[in-house]
Structure formats: C-alpha cells, structure tokens
Amino acid sequence: MANRKTSAQSGENPVEAPVADVGAKNAPAAVEYTIEELTAGAKTVFPGVSPDCVTAALRLAGVTKTTKERAKEIVDKFVNAPVAGPKKGGN
C-alpha cells in the first residue's frame, strides 16, 4: 500500500509501471541458430537453395550463430551475387 502512495505522489500511475516491466520481460528473444542447424534445415528455411550454398554463404560472411532472418539475408545476397565471366586472353 505504501508503494502505491509513493508512486501516486510522484505522478506515476501505479498500474502502468508493472505492466511496462512485464512487457519488457516477456519480449521474445531472437533465437540464434548455428551454421549446422541452418544447413540441416536448408530445404525448409531456404527453399531452392542447396545446403552447401547455405554453409558457404554463412562461412564466407564469418557467421557462427545467427537468426533465421539474418541468415536469409546473407544467403540471398550470396545466391544473387553476380558471377564474373572468364578472363579474355589469359592462359
């Protein structure tokens, strides 16, 4: 009861403060997956992309653990990167 009076006296609504705290605590943390986990689920997470491409993209980016969303960005960038053609006049 003393806490409510103190909160009310300071101009803070005593009902809103705990709700804000609970909301911050219940915010879902982003789940991170290893390269191995993402490669194993490549067919469902990255449709049309081979598991080898997923592994190569993540290793090239220097990633060991990441979220699915970030992994999709990395893999899409890797798969859609332009490929240089052969050099002319070289052996």
C-alpha atoms as a PDB file:
ATOM      1  CA  MET A   1       0.000   0.000   0.000  1.00  0.00           C
ATOM      2  CA  ALA A   2       2.887   2.360   0.805  1.00  0.00           C
ATOM      3  CA  ASN A   3       4.320   1.749  -2.662  1.00  0.00           C
ATOM      4  CA  ARG A   4       1.099   2.862  -4.317  1.00  0.00           C
ATOM      5  CA  LYS A   5       1.024   6.100  -2.349  1.00  0.00           C
ATOM      6  CA  THR A   6       4.656   6.802  -3.175  1.00  0.00           C
ATOM      7  CA  SER A   7       4.070   6.086  -6.871  1.00  0.00           C
ATOM      8  CA  ALA A   8       0.905   8.164  -6.969  1.00  0.00           C
ATOM      9  CA  GLN A   9       2.642  11.025  -5.193  1.00  0.00           C
ATOM     10  CA  SER A  10       5.469  11.040  -7.747  1.00  0.00           C
ATOM     11  CA  GLY A  11       2.912  11.404 -10.547  1.00  0.00           C
ATOM     12  CA  GLU A  12       3.421   7.877 -11.875  1.00  0.00           C
ATOM     13  CA  ASN A  13       0.407   5.671 -12.403  1.00  0.00           C
ATOM     14  CA  PRO A  14       0.979   2.583 -10.204  1.00  0.00           C
ATOM     15  CA  VAL A  15      -0.928   0.345 -12.626  1.00  0.00           C
ATOM     16  CA  GLU A  16       1.102   1.274 -15.716  1.00  0.00           C
ATOM     17  CA  ALA A  17       4.580   0.742 -14.245  1.00  0.00           C
ATOM     18  CA  PRO A  18       4.238  -3.016 -13.584  1.00  0.00           C
ATOM     19  CA  VAL A  19       2.606  -3.570 -16.979  1.00  0.00           C
ATOM     20  CA  ALA A  20       5.553  -1.887 -18.715  1.00  0.00           C
ATOM     21  CA  ASP A  21       8.014  -4.011 -16.734  1.00  0.00           C
ATOM     22  CA  VAL A  22       6.162  -7.224 -17.538  1.00  0.00           C
ATOM     23  CA  GLY A  23       6.048  -6.320 -21.234  1.00  0.00           C
ATOM     24  CA  ALA A  24       9.811  -5.799 -21.308  1.00  0.00           C
ATOM     25  CA  LYS A  25      10.456  -9.113 -19.568  1.00  0.00           C
ATOM     26  CA  ASN A  26       8.116 -11.055 -21.847  1.00  0.00           C
ATOM     27  CA  ALA A  27       9.577  -9.696 -25.078  1.00  0.00           C
ATOM     28  CA  PRO A  28      10.679 -12.723 -27.123  1.00  0.00           C
ATOM     29  CA  ALA A  29      14.417 -13.015 -27.551  1.00  0.00           C
ATOM     30  CA  ALA A  30      15.652 -13.613 -31.074  1.00  0.00           C
ATOM     31  CA  VAL A  31      16.582 -17.273 -31.427  1.00  0.00           C
ATOM     32  CA  GLU A  32      20.009 -17.857 -32.913  1.00  0.00           C
ATOM     33  CA  TYR A  33      20.957 -20.983 -34.830  1.00  0.00           C
ATOM     34  CA  THR A  34      24.356 -22.466 -35.677  1.00  0.00           C
ATOM     35  CA  ILE A  35      25.550 -22.994 -39.237  1.00  0.00           C
ATOM     36  CA  GLU A  36      24.953 -26.713 -38.811  1.00  0.00           C
ATOM     37  CA  GLU A  37      21.333 -26.201 -37.716  1.00  0.00           C
ATOM     38  CA  LEU A  38      20.608 -23.828 -40.587  1.00  0.00           C
ATOM     39  CA  THR A  39      22.265 -26.179 -43.076  1.00  0.00           C
ATOM     40  CA  ALA A  40      20.256 -29.135 -41.770  1.00  0.00           C
ATOM     41  CA  GLY A  41      17.032 -27.189 -42.268  1.00  0.00           C
ATOM     42  CA  ALA A  42      18.085 -25.611 -45.560  1.00  0.00           C
ATOM     43  CA  LYS A  43      15.295 -27.220 -47.595  1.00  0.00           C
ATOM     44  CA  THR A  44      12.585 -25.654 -45.415  1.00  0.00           C
ATOM     45  CA  VAL A  45      14.272 -22.379 -44.414  1.00  0.00           C
ATOM     46  CA  PHE A  46      15.833 -21.609 -47.815  1.00  0.00           C
ATOM     47  CA  PRO A  47      13.640 -23.251 -50.490  1.00  0.00           C
ATOM     48  CA  GLY A  48      15.525 -23.862 -53.721  1.00  0.00           C
ATOM     49  CA  VAL A  49      18.956 -23.328 -52.146  1.00  0.00           C
ATOM     50  CA  SER A  50      21.285 -26.258 -51.589  1.00  0.00           C
ATOM     51  CA  PRO A  51      22.639 -26.908 -48.093  1.00  0.00           C
ATOM     52  CA  ASP A  52      26.174 -26.440 -49.473  1.00  0.00           C
ATOM     53  CA  CYS A  53      25.304 -22.896 -50.585  1.00  0.00           C
ATOM     54  CA  VAL A  54      23.898 -22.107 -47.139  1.00  0.00           C
ATOM     55  CA  THR A  55      27.090 -23.317 -45.476  1.00  0.00           C
ATOM     56  CA  ALA A  56      29.306 -21.418 -47.931  1.00  0.00           C
ATOM     57  CA  ALA A  57      27.320 -18.187 -47.581  1.00  0.00           C
ATOM     58  CA  LEU A  58      27.383 -18.204 -43.782  1.00  0.00           C
ATOM     59  CA  ARG A  59      31.053 -19.153 -43.560  1.00  0.00           C
ATOM     60  CA  LEU A  60      32.025 -16.506 -46.091  1.00  0.00           C
ATOM     61  CA  ALA A  61      30.117 -13.936 -44.002  1.00  0.00           C
ATOM     62  CA  GLY A  62      32.040 -15.063 -40.905  1.00  0.00           C
ATOM     63  CA  VAL A  63      28.885 -16.110 -39.089  1.00  0.00           C
ATOM     64  CA  THR A  64      28.859 -18.876 -36.486  1.00  0.00           C
ATOM     65  CA  LYS A  65      25.394 -18.220 -34.973  1.00  0.00           C
ATOM     66  CA  THR A  66      22.589 -16.042 -36.324  1.00  0.00           C
ATOM     67  CA  THR A  67      18.832 -15.631 -36.555  1.00  0.00           C
ATOM     68  CA  LYS A  68      16.818 -17.084 -39.434  1.00  0.00           C
ATOM     69  CA  GLU A  69      16.040 -13.608 -40.734  1.00  0.00           C
ATOM     70  CA  ARG A  70      19.691 -12.552 -40.831  1.00  0.00           C
ATOM     71  CA  ALA A  71      20.696 -15.909 -42.352  1.00  0.00           C
ATOM     72  CA  LYS A  72      18.099 -15.421 -45.118  1.00  0.00           C
ATOM     73  CA  GLU A  73      19.593 -12.003 -45.905  1.00  0.00           C
ATOM     74  CA  ILE A  74      23.116 -13.445 -46.066  1.00  0.00           C
ATOM     75  CA  VAL A  75      22.113 -16.436 -48.199  1.00  0.00           C
ATOM     76  CA  ASP A  76      20.009 -14.319 -50.581  1.00  0.00           C
ATOM     77  CA  LYS A  77      22.907 -11.911 -51.087  1.00  0.00           C
ATOM     78  CA  PHE A  78      25.281 -14.836 -51.704  1.00  0.00           C
ATOM     79  CA  VAL A  79      22.984 -16.647 -54.139  1.00  0.00           C
ATOM     80  CA  ASN A  80      22.095 -13.492 -56.076  1.00  0.00           C
ATOM     81  CA  ALA A  81      25.668 -12.158 -56.307  1.00  0.00           C
ATOM     82  CA  PRO A  82      26.868 -11.611 -59.878  1.00  0.00           C
ATOM     83  CA  VAL A  83      29.332 -14.151 -61.193  1.00  0.00           C
ATOM     84  CA  ALA A  84      32.346 -12.900 -63.141  1.00  0.00           C
ATOM     85  CA  GLY A  85      32.937 -14.497 -66.516  1.00  0.00           C
ATOM     86  CA  PRO A  86      36.251 -15.936 -67.719  1.00  0.00           C
ATOM     87  CA  LYS A  87      39.078 -13.529 -68.460  1.00  0.00           C
ATOM     88  CA  LYS A  88      39.883 -12.974 -72.112  1.00  0.00           C
ATOM     89  CA  GLY A  89      43.324 -13.683 -73.497  1.00  0.00           C
ATOM     90  CA  GLY A  90      44.675 -15.467 -70.422  1.00  0.00           C
ATOM     91  CA  ASN A  91      46.045 -18.980 -70.021  1.00  0.00           C
END
